[in-house]
Amino acid sequence: MAQYLIYFNQQWVGDHPAEWYEPRGPLSRAVVAEMKEAGVLVFAGGLEEEIELAFGSDDEGNVGGPITTNGEFLGGLTIINVSTDEEAKLWGAKVGQACGWPQEIRKFKGN
């Protein structure tokens, strides 16, 4: 078994009217429930949407204090534990379909 990260960049979401988002929550929760039932879910959750509230550190590793990032950022993530790349792709596709925007799927190194 290996762990995979399924995630999306908030900028991939695009502009949609409020009513477009209404069914997305229940659809996403249904996929998470399906993952739990299948025994593959490690963690799933959305992240703070306001980029001004995201923290980072400089490339020198200097942690003199948090800095505000202005670039791309994650909107949400899911970690799964599955046997194959194909199974990871299947779950990533289900998450993407429920959310209505692209997902990226990456295997954790060393797993």
PDB file of N, CA and C in Angstrom:
ATOM      1  N   MET A   1       0.847  -1.178   0.000  1.00  0.00           N
ATOM      2  CA  MET A   1       0.000   0.000   0.000  1.00  0.00           C
ATOM      3  C   MET A   1       0.895   1.245   0.000  1.00  0.00           C
ATOM      4  N   ALA A   2       0.414   2.266  -0.652  1.00  0.00           N
ATOM      5  CA  ALA A   2       1.144   3.535  -0.727  1.00  0.00           C
ATOM      6  C   ALA A   2       0.164   4.680  -0.483  1.00  0.00           C
ATOM      7  N   GLN A   3       0.686   5.768   0.030  1.00  0.00           N
ATOM      8  CA  GLN A   3      -0.145   6.942   0.242  1.00  0.00           C
ATOM      9  C   GLN A   3      -0.001   7.903  -0.925  1.00  0.00           C
ATOM     10  N   TYR A   4      -1.124   8.498  -1.292  1.00  0.00           N
ATOM     11  CA  TYR A   4      -1.187   9.459  -2.392  1.00  0.00           C
ATOM     12  C   TYR A   4      -1.881  10.719  -1.893  1.00  0.00           C
ATOM     13  N   LEU A   5      -1.438  11.827  -2.422  1.00  0.00           N
ATOM     14  CA  LEU A   5      -2.053  13.121  -2.163  1.00  0.00           C
ATOM     15  C   LEU A   5      -2.899  13.488  -3.371  1.00  0.00           C
ATOM     16  N   ILE A   6      -4.158  13.805  -3.127  1.00  0.00           N
ATOM     17  CA  ILE A   6      -5.059  14.331  -4.156  1.00  0.00           C
ATOM     18  C   ILE A   6      -5.333  15.770  -3.740  1.00  0.00           C
ATOM     19  N   TYR A   7      -5.046  16.717  -4.606  1.00  0.00           N
ATOM     20  CA  TYR A   7      -5.222  18.112  -4.205  1.00  0.00           C
ATOM     21  C   TYR A   7      -5.597  18.974  -5.400  1.00  0.00           C
ATOM     22  N   PHE A   8      -6.035  20.180  -5.079  1.00  0.00           N
ATOM     23  CA  PHE A   8      -6.302  21.147  -6.131  1.00  0.00           C
ATOM     24  C   PHE A   8      -5.768  22.508  -5.721  1.00  0.00           C
ATOM     25  N   ASN A   9      -5.470  23.291  -6.718  1.00  0.00           N
ATOM     26  CA  ASN A   9      -5.036  24.665  -6.543  1.00  0.00           C
ATOM     27  C   ASN A   9      -6.297  25.522  -6.565  1.00  0.00           C
ATOM     28  N   GLN A  10      -6.452  26.388  -5.605  1.00  0.00           N
ATOM     29  CA  GLN A  10      -7.654  27.229  -5.522  1.00  0.00           C
ATOM     30  C   GLN A  10      -7.906  27.995  -6.822  1.00  0.00           C
ATOM     31  N   GLN A  11      -6.840  28.327  -7.532  1.00  0.00           N
ATOM     32  CA  GLN A  11      -6.992  29.084  -8.775  1.00  0.00           C
ATOM     33  C   GLN A  11      -7.595  28.233  -9.888  1.00  0.00           C
ATOM     34  N   TRP A  12      -7.630  26.899  -9.723  1.00  0.00           N
ATOM     35  CA  TRP A  12      -8.223  26.022 -10.726  1.00  0.00           C
ATOM     36  C   TRP A  12      -9.747  26.016 -10.654  1.00  0.00           C
ATOM     37  N   VAL A  13     -10.300  26.535  -9.568  1.00  0.00           N
ATOM     38  CA  VAL A  13     -11.743  26.462  -9.336  1.00  0.00           C
ATOM     39  C   VAL A  13     -12.514  27.279 -10.365  1.00  0.00           C
ATOM     40  N   GLY A  14     -12.035  28.447 -10.675  1.00  0.00           N
ATOM     41  CA  GLY A  14     -12.722  29.297 -11.641  1.00  0.00           C
ATOM     42  C   GLY A  14     -13.862  30.074 -11.014  1.00  0.00           C
ATOM     43  N   ASP A  15     -14.483  30.895 -11.817  1.00  0.00           N
ATOM     44  CA  ASP A  15     -15.599  31.720 -11.349  1.00  0.00           C
ATOM     45  C   ASP A  15     -16.911  31.045 -11.699  1.00  0.00           C
ATOM     46  N   HIS A  16     -17.739  30.860 -10.684  1.00  0.00           N
ATOM     47  CA  HIS A  16     -19.042  30.233 -10.864  1.00  0.00           C
ATOM     48  C   HIS A  16     -20.050  30.972 -10.002  1.00  0.00           C
ATOM     49  N   PRO A  17     -21.305  30.987 -10.397  1.00  0.00           N
ATOM     50  CA  PRO A  17     -22.334  31.582  -9.540  1.00  0.00           C
ATOM     51  C   PRO A  17     -22.507  30.739  -8.274  1.00  0.00           C
ATOM     52  N   ALA A  18     -22.998  31.346  -7.216  1.00  0.00           N
ATOM     53  CA  ALA A  18     -23.151  30.674  -5.919  1.00  0.00           C
ATOM     54  C   ALA A  18     -23.943  29.370  -6.028  1.00  0.00           C
ATOM     55  N   GLU A  19     -24.982  29.364  -6.844  1.00  0.00           N
ATOM     56  CA  GLU A  19     -25.810  28.152  -6.963  1.00  0.00           C
ATOM     57  C   GLU A  19     -25.054  26.977  -7.587  1.00  0.00           C
ATOM     58  N   TRP A  20     -23.987  27.258  -8.333  1.00  0.00           N
ATOM     59  CA  TRP A  20     -23.175  26.183  -8.909  1.00  0.00           C
ATOM     60  C   TRP A  20     -22.474  25.386  -7.819  1.00  0.00           C
ATOM     61  N   TYR A  21     -22.076  26.071  -6.730  1.00  0.00           N
ATOM     62  CA  TYR A  21     -21.340  25.432  -5.643  1.00  0.00           C
ATOM     63  C   TYR A  21     -22.236  24.599  -4.723  1.00  0.00           C
ATOM     64  N   GLU A  22     -23.517  24.900  -4.647  1.00  0.00           N
ATOM     65  CA  GLU A  22     -24.416  24.257  -3.692  1.00  0.00           C
ATOM     66  C   GLU A  22     -24.365  22.733  -3.719  1.00  0.00           C
ATOM     67  N   PRO A  23     -24.419  22.079  -4.873  1.00  0.00           N
ATOM     68  CA  PRO A  23     -24.390  20.607  -4.854  1.00  0.00           C
ATOM     69  C   PRO A  23     -22.988  20.032  -4.626  1.00  0.00           C
ATOM     70  N   ARG A  24     -21.942  20.844  -4.726  1.00  0.00           N
ATOM     71  CA  ARG A  24     -20.567  20.345  -4.632  1.00  0.00           C
ATOM     72  C   ARG A  24     -20.238  19.797  -3.240  1.00  0.00           C
ATOM     73  N   GLY A  25     -20.713  20.456  -2.207  1.00  0.00           N
ATOM     74  CA  GLY A  25     -20.446  19.989  -0.841  1.00  0.00           C
ATOM     75  C   GLY A  25     -20.974  18.586  -0.602  1.00  0.00           C
ATOM     76  N   PRO A  26     -22.268  18.348  -0.856  1.00  0.00           N
ATOM     77  CA  PRO A  26     -22.795  16.992  -0.664  1.00  0.00           C
ATOM     78  C   PRO A  26     -22.109  15.953  -1.548  1.00  0.00           C
ATOM     79  N   LEU A  27     -21.789  16.304  -2.788  1.00  0.00           N
ATOM     80  CA  LEU A  27     -21.100  15.358  -3.668  1.00  0.00           C
ATOM     81  C   LEU A  27     -19.711  15.017  -3.127  1.00  0.00           C
ATOM     82  N   SER A  28     -18.998  16.024  -2.666  1.00  0.00           N
ATOM     83  CA  SER A  28     -17.655  15.800  -2.118  1.00  0.00           C
ATOM     84  C   SER A  28     -17.713  14.973  -0.840  1.00  0.00           C
ATOM     85  N   ARG A  29     -18.676  15.283   0.032  1.00  0.00           N
ATOM     86  CA  ARG A  29     -18.814  14.513   1.263  1.00  0.00           C
ATOM     87  C   ARG A  29     -19.168  13.055   0.964  1.00  0.00           C
ATOM     88  N   ALA A  30     -19.934  12.818  -0.093  1.00  0.00           N
ATOM     89  CA  ALA A  30     -20.283  11.457  -0.490  1.00  0.00           C
ATOM     90  C   ALA A  30     -19.045  10.674  -0.932  1.00  0.00           C
ATOM     91  N   VAL A  31     -18.142  11.322  -1.670  1.00  0.00           N
ATOM     92  CA  VAL A  31     -16.913  10.646  -2.091  1.00  0.00           C
ATOM     93  C   VAL A  31     -16.045  10.341  -0.874  1.00  0.00           C
ATOM     94  N   VAL A  32     -15.954  11.267   0.062  1.00  0.00           N
ATOM     95  CA  VAL A  32     -15.178  11.032   1.278  1.00  0.00           C
ATOM     96  C   VAL A  32     -15.777   9.862   2.053  1.00  0.00           C
ATOM     97  N   ALA A  33     -17.095   9.817   2.154  1.00  0.00           N
ATOM     98  CA  ALA A  33     -17.766   8.695   2.831  1.00  0.00           C
ATOM     99  C   ALA A  33     -17.465   7.380   2.116  1.00  0.00           C
ATOM    100  N   GLU A  34     -17.453   7.405   0.793  1.00  0.00           N
ATOM    101  CA  GLU A  34     -17.128   6.212   0.010  1.00  0.00           C
ATOM    102  C   GLU A  34     -15.686   5.769   0.267  1.00  0.00           C
ATOM    103  N   MET A  35     -14.769   6.739   0.376  1.00  0.00           N
ATOM    104  CA  MET A  35     -13.374   6.420   0.688  1.00  0.00           C
ATOM    105  C   MET A  35     -13.264   5.780   2.073  1.00  0.00           C
ATOM    106  N   LYS A  36     -13.990   6.339   3.047  1.00  0.00           N
ATOM    107  CA  LYS A  36     -13.981   5.772   4.396  1.00  0.00           C
ATOM    108  C   LYS A  36     -14.481   4.331   4.360  1.00  0.00           C
ATOM    109  N   GLU A  37     -15.586   4.122   3.679  1.00  0.00           N
ATOM    110  CA  GLU A  37     -16.181   2.792   3.584  1.00  0.00           C
ATOM    111  C   GLU A  37     -15.229   1.799   2.909  1.00  0.00           C
ATOM    112  N   ALA A  38     -14.478   2.260   1.925  1.00  0.00           N
ATOM    113  CA  ALA A  38     -13.516   1.408   1.220  1.00  0.00           C
ATOM    114  C   ALA A  38     -12.234   1.203   2.021  1.00  0.00           C
ATOM    115  N   GLY A  39     -12.066   1.973   3.098  1.00  0.00           N
ATOM    116  CA  GLY A  39     -10.879   1.844   3.938  1.00  0.00           C
ATOM    117  C   GLY A  39      -9.624   2.472   3.365  1.00  0.00           C
ATOM    118  N   VAL A  40      -9.766   3.427   2.454  1.00  0.00           N
ATOM    119  CA  VAL A  40      -8.598   4.044   1.823  1.00  0.00           C
ATOM    120  C   VAL A  40      -8.309   5.466   2.323  1.00  0.00           C
ATOM    121  N   LEU A  41      -9.245   6.071   3.021  1.00  0.00           N
ATOM    122  CA  LEU A  41      -9.088   7.469   3.441  1.00  0.00           C
ATOM    123  C   LEU A  41      -8.133   7.582   4.624  1.00  0.00           C
ATOM    124  N   VAL A  42      -7.149   8.465   4.481  1.00  0.00           N
ATOM    125  CA  VAL A  42      -6.265   8.827   5.580  1.00  0.00           C
ATOM    126  C   VAL A  42      -6.713  10.173   6.142  1.00  0.00           C
ATOM    127  N   PHE A  43      -6.953  11.151   5.251  1.00  0.00           N
ATOM    128  CA  PHE A  43      -7.363  12.492   5.663  1.00  0.00           C
ATOM    129  C   PHE A  43      -7.953  13.218   4.470  1.00  0.00           C
ATOM    130  N   ALA A  44      -8.931  14.071   4.727  1.00  0.00           N
ATOM    131  CA  ALA A  44      -9.464  14.958   3.690  1.00  0.00           C
ATOM    132  C   ALA A  44      -9.900  16.258   4.343  1.00  0.00           C
ATOM    133  N   GLY A  45      -9.669  17.380   3.640  1.00  0.00           N
ATOM    134  CA  GLY A  45     -10.129  18.650   4.175  1.00  0.00           C
ATOM    135  C   GLY A  45      -9.817  19.807   3.249  1.00  0.00           C
ATOM    136  N   GLY A  46     -10.615  20.835   3.371  1.00  0.00           N
ATOM    137  CA  GLY A  46     -10.381  22.069   2.637  1.00  0.00           C
ATOM    138  C   GLY A  46      -9.461  22.967   3.446  1.00  0.00           C
ATOM    139  N   LEU A  47      -8.887  23.927   2.770  1.00  0.00           N
ATOM    140  CA  LEU A  47      -7.975  24.856   3.424  1.00  0.00           C
ATOM    141  C   LEU A  47      -8.528  26.272   3.372  1.00  0.00           C
ATOM    142  N   GLU A  48      -7.982  27.123   4.199  1.00  0.00           N
ATOM    143  CA  GLU A  48      -8.349  28.537   4.225  1.00  0.00           C
ATOM    144  C   GLU A  48      -8.253  29.103   2.811  1.00  0.00           C
ATOM    145  N   GLU A  49      -9.304  29.782   2.376  1.00  0.00           N
ATOM    146  CA  GLU A  49      -9.342  30.298   1.010  1.00  0.00           C
ATOM    147  C   GLU A  49      -8.625  31.629   0.829  1.00  0.00           C
ATOM    148  N   GLU A  50      -8.482  32.403   1.874  1.00  0.00           N
ATOM    149  CA  GLU A  50      -7.872  33.728   1.761  1.00  0.00           C
ATOM    150  C   GLU A  50      -6.358  33.608   1.727  1.00  0.00           C
ATOM    151  N   ILE A  51      -5.744  33.921   0.594  1.00  0.00           N
ATOM    152  CA  ILE A  51      -4.304  33.798   0.437  1.00  0.00           C
ATOM    153  C   ILE A  51      -3.552  34.653   1.452  1.00  0.00           C
ATOM    154  N   GLU A  52      -4.141  35.746   1.877  1.00  0.00           N
ATOM    155  CA  GLU A  52      -3.493  36.621   2.854  1.00  0.00           C
ATOM    156  C   GLU A  52      -3.319  35.928   4.200  1.00  0.00           C
ATOM    157  N   LEU A  53      -4.075  34.854   4.431  1.00  0.00           N
ATOM    158  CA  LEU A  53      -3.984  34.129   5.692  1.00  0.00           C
ATOM    159  C   LEU A  53      -3.083  32.898   5.593  1.00  0.00           C
ATOM    160  N   ALA A  54      -2.473  32.686   4.422  1.00  0.00           N
ATOM    161  CA  ALA A  54      -1.539  31.575   4.243  1.00  0.00           C
ATOM    162  C   ALA A  54      -0.156  32.023   4.680  1.00  0.00           C
ATOM    163  N   PHE A  55       0.559  31.152   5.341  1.00  0.00           N
ATOM    164  CA  PHE A  55       1.892  31.472   5.828  1.00  0.00           C
ATOM    165  C   PHE A  55       2.919  30.628   5.107  1.00  0.00           C
ATOM    166  N   GLY A  56       4.119  31.153   4.987  1.00  0.00           N
ATOM    167  CA  GLY A  56       5.223  30.421   4.382  1.00  0.00           C
ATOM    168  C   GLY A  56       6.516  30.850   5.037  1.00  0.00           C
ATOM    169  N   SER A  57       7.604  30.210   4.667  1.00  0.00           N
ATOM    170  CA  SER A  57       8.915  30.641   5.152  1.00  0.00           C
ATOM    171  C   SER A  57       9.783  30.928   3.940  1.00  0.00           C
ATOM    172  N   ASP A  58      10.813  31.729   4.150  1.00  0.00           N
ATOM    173  CA  ASP A  58      11.665  32.063   3.019  1.00  0.00           C
ATOM    174  C   ASP A  58      12.514  30.856   2.620  1.00  0.00           C
ATOM    175  N   ASP A  59      13.163  30.949   1.477  1.00  0.00           N
ATOM    176  CA  ASP A  59      13.925  29.826   0.948  1.00  0.00           C
ATOM    177  C   ASP A  59      15.210  29.536   1.720  1.00  0.00           C
ATOM    178  N   GLU A  60      15.573  30.396   2.629  1.00  0.00           N
ATOM    179  CA  GLU A  60      16.754  30.189   3.466  1.00  0.00           C
ATOM    180  C   GLU A  60      16.403  29.396   4.719  1.00  0.00           C
ATOM    181  N   GLY A  61      15.106  29.127   4.924  1.00  0.00           N
ATOM    182  CA  GLY A  61      14.693  28.439   6.136  1.00  0.00           C
ATOM    183  C   GLY A  61      14.686  29.342   7.350  1.00  0.00           C
ATOM    184  N   ASN A  62      14.757  30.639   7.113  1.00  0.00           N
ATOM    185  CA  ASN A  62      14.769  31.615   8.184  1.00  0.00           C
ATOM    186  C   ASN A  62      13.356  31.751   8.739  1.00  0.00           C
ATOM    187  N   VAL A  63      13.149  31.339   9.972  1.00  0.00           N
ATOM    188  CA  VAL A  63      11.819  31.381  10.554  1.00  0.00           C
ATOM    189  C   VAL A  63      11.679  32.535  11.541  1.00  0.00           C
ATOM    190  N   GLY A  64      12.123  33.683  11.138  1.00  0.00           N
ATOM    191  CA  GLY A  64      11.996  34.862  11.975  1.00  0.00           C
ATOM    192  C   GLY A  64      10.549  35.302  12.114  1.00  0.00           C
ATOM    193  N   GLY A  65       9.680  34.706  11.403  1.00  0.00           N
ATOM    194  CA  GLY A  65       8.259  34.998  11.469  1.00  0.00           C
ATOM    195  C   GLY A  65       7.597  34.573  10.181  1.00  0.00           C
ATOM    196  N   PRO A  66       6.311  34.359  10.237  1.00  0.00           N
ATOM    197  CA  PRO A  66       5.611  33.946   9.014  1.00  0.00           C
ATOM    198  C   PRO A  66       5.575  35.062   7.986  1.00  0.00           C
ATOM    199  N   ILE A  67       5.604  34.677   6.725  1.00  0.00           N
ATOM    200  CA  ILE A  67       5.464  35.656   5.658  1.00  0.00           C
ATOM    201  C   ILE A  67       4.202  35.330   4.880  1.00  0.00           C
ATOM    202  N   THR A  68       3.591  36.324   4.317  1.00  0.00           N
ATOM    203  CA  THR A  68       2.396  36.113   3.512  1.00  0.00           C
ATOM    204  C   THR A  68       2.803  35.710   2.115  1.00  0.00           C
ATOM    205  N   THR A  69       2.192  34.663   1.606  1.00  0.00           N
ATOM    206  CA  THR A  69       2.476  34.248   0.242  1.00  0.00           C
ATOM    207  C   THR A  69       1.499  34.935  -0.698  1.00  0.00           C
ATOM    208  N   ASN A  70       1.944  35.213  -1.890  1.00  0.00           N
ATOM    209  CA  ASN A  70       1.107  35.903  -2.858  1.00  0.00           C
ATOM    210  C   ASN A  70       0.837  35.051  -4.089  1.00  0.00           C
ATOM    211  N   GLY A  71       1.396  33.863  -4.137  1.00  0.00           N
ATOM    212  CA  GLY A  71       1.285  33.045  -5.343  1.00  0.00           C
ATOM    213  C   GLY A  71       0.195  32.007  -5.242  1.00  0.00           C
ATOM    214  N   GLU A  72       0.448  30.868  -5.883  1.00  0.00           N
ATOM    215  CA  GLU A  72      -0.515  29.776  -5.901  1.00  0.00           C
ATOM    216  C   GLU A  72      -0.637  29.167  -4.511  1.00  0.00           C
ATOM    217  N   PHE A  73      -1.777  28.547  -4.261  1.00  0.00           N
ATOM    218  CA  PHE A  73      -1.952  27.901  -2.975  1.00  0.00           C
ATOM    219  C   PHE A  73      -2.969  26.775  -3.097  1.00  0.00           C
ATOM    220  N   LEU A  74      -2.851  25.835  -2.181  1.00  0.00           N
ATOM    221  CA  LEU A  74      -3.773  24.708  -2.157  1.00  0.00           C
ATOM    222  C   LEU A  74      -5.139  25.145  -1.676  1.00  0.00           C
ATOM    223  N   GLY A  75      -6.156  24.554  -2.254  1.00  0.00           N
ATOM    224  CA  GLY A  75      -7.519  24.825  -1.811  1.00  0.00           C
ATOM    225  C   GLY A  75      -8.046  23.709  -0.935  1.00  0.00           C
ATOM    226  N   GLY A  76      -7.598  22.496  -1.161  1.00  0.00           N
ATOM    227  CA  GLY A  76      -8.023  21.350  -0.380  1.00  0.00           C
ATOM    228  C   GLY A  76      -7.180  20.150  -0.717  1.00  0.00           C
ATOM    229  N   LEU A  77      -7.208  19.163   0.155  1.00  0.00           N
ATOM    230  CA  LEU A  77      -6.392  17.988  -0.083  1.00  0.00           C
ATOM    231  C   LEU A  77      -7.039  16.755   0.514  1.00  0.00           C
ATOM    232  N   THR A  78      -6.666  15.623  -0.051  1.00  0.00           N
ATOM    233  CA  THR A  78      -7.098  14.322   0.429  1.00  0.00           C
ATOM    234  C   THR A  78      -5.882  13.412   0.388  1.00  0.00           C
ATOM    235  N   ILE A  79      -5.698  12.623   1.429  1.00  0.00           N
ATOM    236  CA  ILE A  79      -4.634  11.628   1.452  1.00  0.00           C
ATOM    237  C   ILE A  79      -5.301  10.262   1.509  1.00  0.00           C
ATOM    238  N   ILE A  80      -4.894   9.401   0.591  1.00  0.00           N
ATOM    239  CA  ILE A  80      -5.450   8.052   0.534  1.00  0.00           C
ATOM    240  C   ILE A  80      -4.326   7.030   0.626  1.00  0.00           C
ATOM    241  N   ASN A  81      -4.681   5.826   1.009  1.00  0.00           N
ATOM    242  CA  ASN A  81      -3.744   4.721   1.102  1.00  0.00           C
ATOM    243  C   ASN A  81      -4.288   3.595   0.232  1.00  0.00           C
ATOM    244  N   VAL A  82      -3.672   3.390  -0.933  1.00  0.00           N
ATOM    245  CA  VAL A  82      -4.162   2.410  -1.900  1.00  0.00           C
ATOM    246  C   VAL A  82      -3.009   1.568  -2.443  1.00  0.00           C
ATOM    247  N   SER A  83      -3.355   0.509  -3.167  1.00  0.00           N
ATOM    248  CA  SER A  83      -2.361  -0.442  -3.651  1.00  0.00           C
ATOM    249  C   SER A  83      -1.681  -0.053  -4.950  1.00  0.00           C
ATOM    250  N   THR A  84      -2.389   0.687  -5.826  1.00  0.00           N
ATOM    251  CA  THR A  84      -1.841   0.937  -7.160  1.00  0.00           C
ATOM    252  C   THR A  84      -2.058   2.373  -7.597  1.00  0.00           C
ATOM    253  N   ASP A  85      -1.274   2.771  -8.598  1.00  0.00           N
ATOM    254  CA  ASP A  85      -1.472   4.085  -9.214  1.00  0.00           C
ATOM    255  C   ASP A  85      -2.873   4.178  -9.813  1.00  0.00           C
ATOM    256  N   GLU A  86      -3.331   3.090 -10.413  1.00  0.00           N
ATOM    257  CA  GLU A  86      -4.650   3.100 -11.056  1.00  0.00           C
ATOM    258  C   GLU A  86      -5.761   3.364 -10.047  1.00  0.00           C
ATOM    259  N   GLU A  87      -5.640   2.765  -8.866  1.00  0.00           N
ATOM    260  CA  GLU A  87      -6.636   2.992  -7.822  1.00  0.00           C
ATOM    261  C   GLU A  87      -6.592   4.451  -7.358  1.00  0.00           C
ATOM    262  N   ALA A  88      -5.383   5.011  -7.245  1.00  0.00           N
ATOM    263  CA  ALA A  88      -5.240   6.424  -6.868  1.00  0.00           C
ATOM    264  C   ALA A  88      -5.881   7.326  -7.920  1.00  0.00           C
ATOM    265  N   LYS A  89      -5.678   6.992  -9.191  1.00  0.00           N
ATOM    266  CA  LYS A  89      -6.283   7.782 -10.272  1.00  0.00           C
ATOM    267  C   LYS A  89      -7.796   7.710 -10.222  1.00  0.00           C
ATOM    268  N   LEU A  90      -8.335   6.535  -9.905  1.00  0.00           N
ATOM    269  CA  LEU A  90      -9.788   6.365  -9.792  1.00  0.00           C
ATOM    270  C   LEU A  90     -10.360   7.283  -8.720  1.00  0.00           C
ATOM    271  N   TRP A  91      -9.736   7.278  -7.543  1.00  0.00           N
ATOM    272  CA  TRP A  91     -10.226   8.137  -6.457  1.00  0.00           C
ATOM    273  C   TRP A  91     -10.024   9.616  -6.790  1.00  0.00           C
ATOM    274  N   GLY A  92      -8.912   9.962  -7.428  1.00  0.00           N
ATOM    275  CA  GLY A  92      -8.695  11.351  -7.838  1.00  0.00           C
ATOM    276  C   GLY A  92      -9.750  11.822  -8.814  1.00  0.00           C
ATOM    277  N   ALA A  93     -10.140  10.930  -9.738  1.00  0.00           N
ATOM    278  CA  ALA A  93     -11.186  11.274 -10.700  1.00  0.00           C
ATOM    279  C   ALA A  93     -12.527  11.473  -9.995  1.00  0.00           C
ATOM    280  N   LYS A  94     -12.816  10.649  -9.004  1.00  0.00           N
ATOM    281  CA  LYS A  94     -14.078  10.798  -8.258  1.00  0.00           C
ATOM    282  C   LYS A  94     -14.110  12.119  -7.495  1.00  0.00           C
ATOM    283  N   VAL A  95     -12.981  12.471  -6.889  1.00  0.00           N
ATOM    284  CA  VAL A  95     -12.905  13.747  -6.172  1.00  0.00           C
ATOM    285  C   VAL A  95     -13.085  14.899  -7.154  1.00  0.00           C
ATOM    286  N   GLY A  96     -12.394  14.838  -8.292  1.00  0.00           N
ATOM    287  CA  GLY A  96     -12.505  15.897  -9.295  1.00  0.00           C
ATOM    288  C   GLY A  96     -13.915  16.051  -9.832  1.00  0.00           C
ATOM    289  N   GLN A  97     -14.573  14.937 -10.061  1.00  0.00           N
ATOM    290  CA  GLN A  97     -15.949  14.997 -10.565  1.00  0.00           C
ATOM    291  C   GLN A  97     -16.876  15.611  -9.524  1.00  0.00           C
ATOM    292  N   ALA A  98     -16.710  15.232  -8.266  1.00  0.00           N
ATOM    293  CA  ALA A  98     -17.563  15.783  -7.203  1.00  0.00           C
ATOM    294  C   ALA A  98     -17.327  17.276  -7.024  1.00  0.00           C
ATOM    295  N   CYS A  99     -16.059  17.691  -7.066  1.00  0.00           N
ATOM    296  CA  CYS A  99     -15.725  19.107  -6.863  1.00  0.00           C
ATOM    297  C   CYS A  99     -16.064  19.962  -8.088  1.00  0.00           C
ATOM    298  N   GLY A 100     -15.898  19.366  -9.263  1.00  0.00           N
ATOM    299  CA  GLY A 100     -16.155  20.122 -10.479  1.00  0.00           C
ATOM    300  C   GLY A 100     -14.947  20.859 -11.016  1.00  0.00           C
ATOM    301  N   TRP A 101     -13.758  20.511 -10.548  1.00  0.00           N
ATOM    302  CA  TRP A 101     -12.533  21.112 -11.058  1.00  0.00           C
ATOM    303  C   TRP A 101     -11.403  20.091 -10.976  1.00  0.00           C
ATOM    304  N   PRO A 102     -10.292  20.348 -11.672  1.00  0.00           N
ATOM    305  CA  PRO A 102      -9.194  19.376 -11.753  1.00  0.00           C
ATOM    306  C   PRO A 102      -8.571  19.067 -10.391  1.00  0.00           C
ATOM    307  N   GLN A 103      -8.017  17.895 -10.306  1.00  0.00           N
ATOM    308  CA  GLN A 103      -7.264  17.452  -9.137  1.00  0.00           C
ATOM    309  C   GLN A 103      -5.912  16.942  -9.617  1.00  0.00           C
ATOM    310  N   GLU A 104      -4.918  17.083  -8.795  1.00  0.00           N
ATOM    311  CA  GLU A 104      -3.619  16.482  -9.080  1.00  0.00           C
ATOM    312  C   GLU A 104      -3.430  15.338  -8.091  1.00  0.00           C
ATOM    313  N   ILE A 105      -2.805  14.264  -8.553  1.00  0.00           N
ATOM    314  CA  ILE A 105      -2.602  13.087  -7.725  1.00  0.00           C
ATOM    315  C   ILE A 105      -1.107  12.803  -7.698  1.00  0.00           C
ATOM    316  N   ARG A 106      -0.543  12.719  -6.483  1.00  0.00           N
ATOM    317  CA  ARG A 106       0.892  12.455  -6.359  1.00  0.00           C
ATOM    318  C   ARG A 106       1.135  11.438  -5.268  1.00  0.00           C
ATOM    319  N   LYS A 107       2.023  10.515  -5.563  1.00  0.00           N
ATOM    320  CA  LYS A 107       2.418   9.489  -4.606  1.00  0.00           C
ATOM    321  C   LYS A 107       3.471  10.068  -3.666  1.00  0.00           C
ATOM    322  N   PHE A 108       3.342   9.771  -2.386  1.00  0.00           N
ATOM    323  CA  PHE A 108       4.364  10.193  -1.431  1.00  0.00           C
ATOM    324  C   PHE A 108       5.614   9.364  -1.658  1.00  0.00           C
ATOM    325  N   LYS A 109       6.770   9.993  -1.603  1.00  0.00           N
ATOM    326  CA  LYS A 109       8.043   9.289  -1.749  1.00  0.00           C
ATOM    327  C   LYS A 109       8.235   8.349  -0.570  1.00  0.00           C
ATOM    328  N   GLY A 110       8.906   7.256  -0.853  1.00  0.00           N
ATOM    329  CA  GLY A 110       9.222   6.309   0.206  1.00  0.00           C
ATOM    330  C   GLY A 110       8.088   5.378   0.553  1.00  0.00           C
ATOM    331  N   ASN A 111       6.970   5.509  -0.149  1.00  0.00           N
ATOM    332  CA  ASN A 111       5.831   4.619   0.112  1.00  0.00           C
ATOM    333  C   ASN A 111       5.644   3.663  -1.041  1.00  0.00           C
TER     334      ASN A 111
END
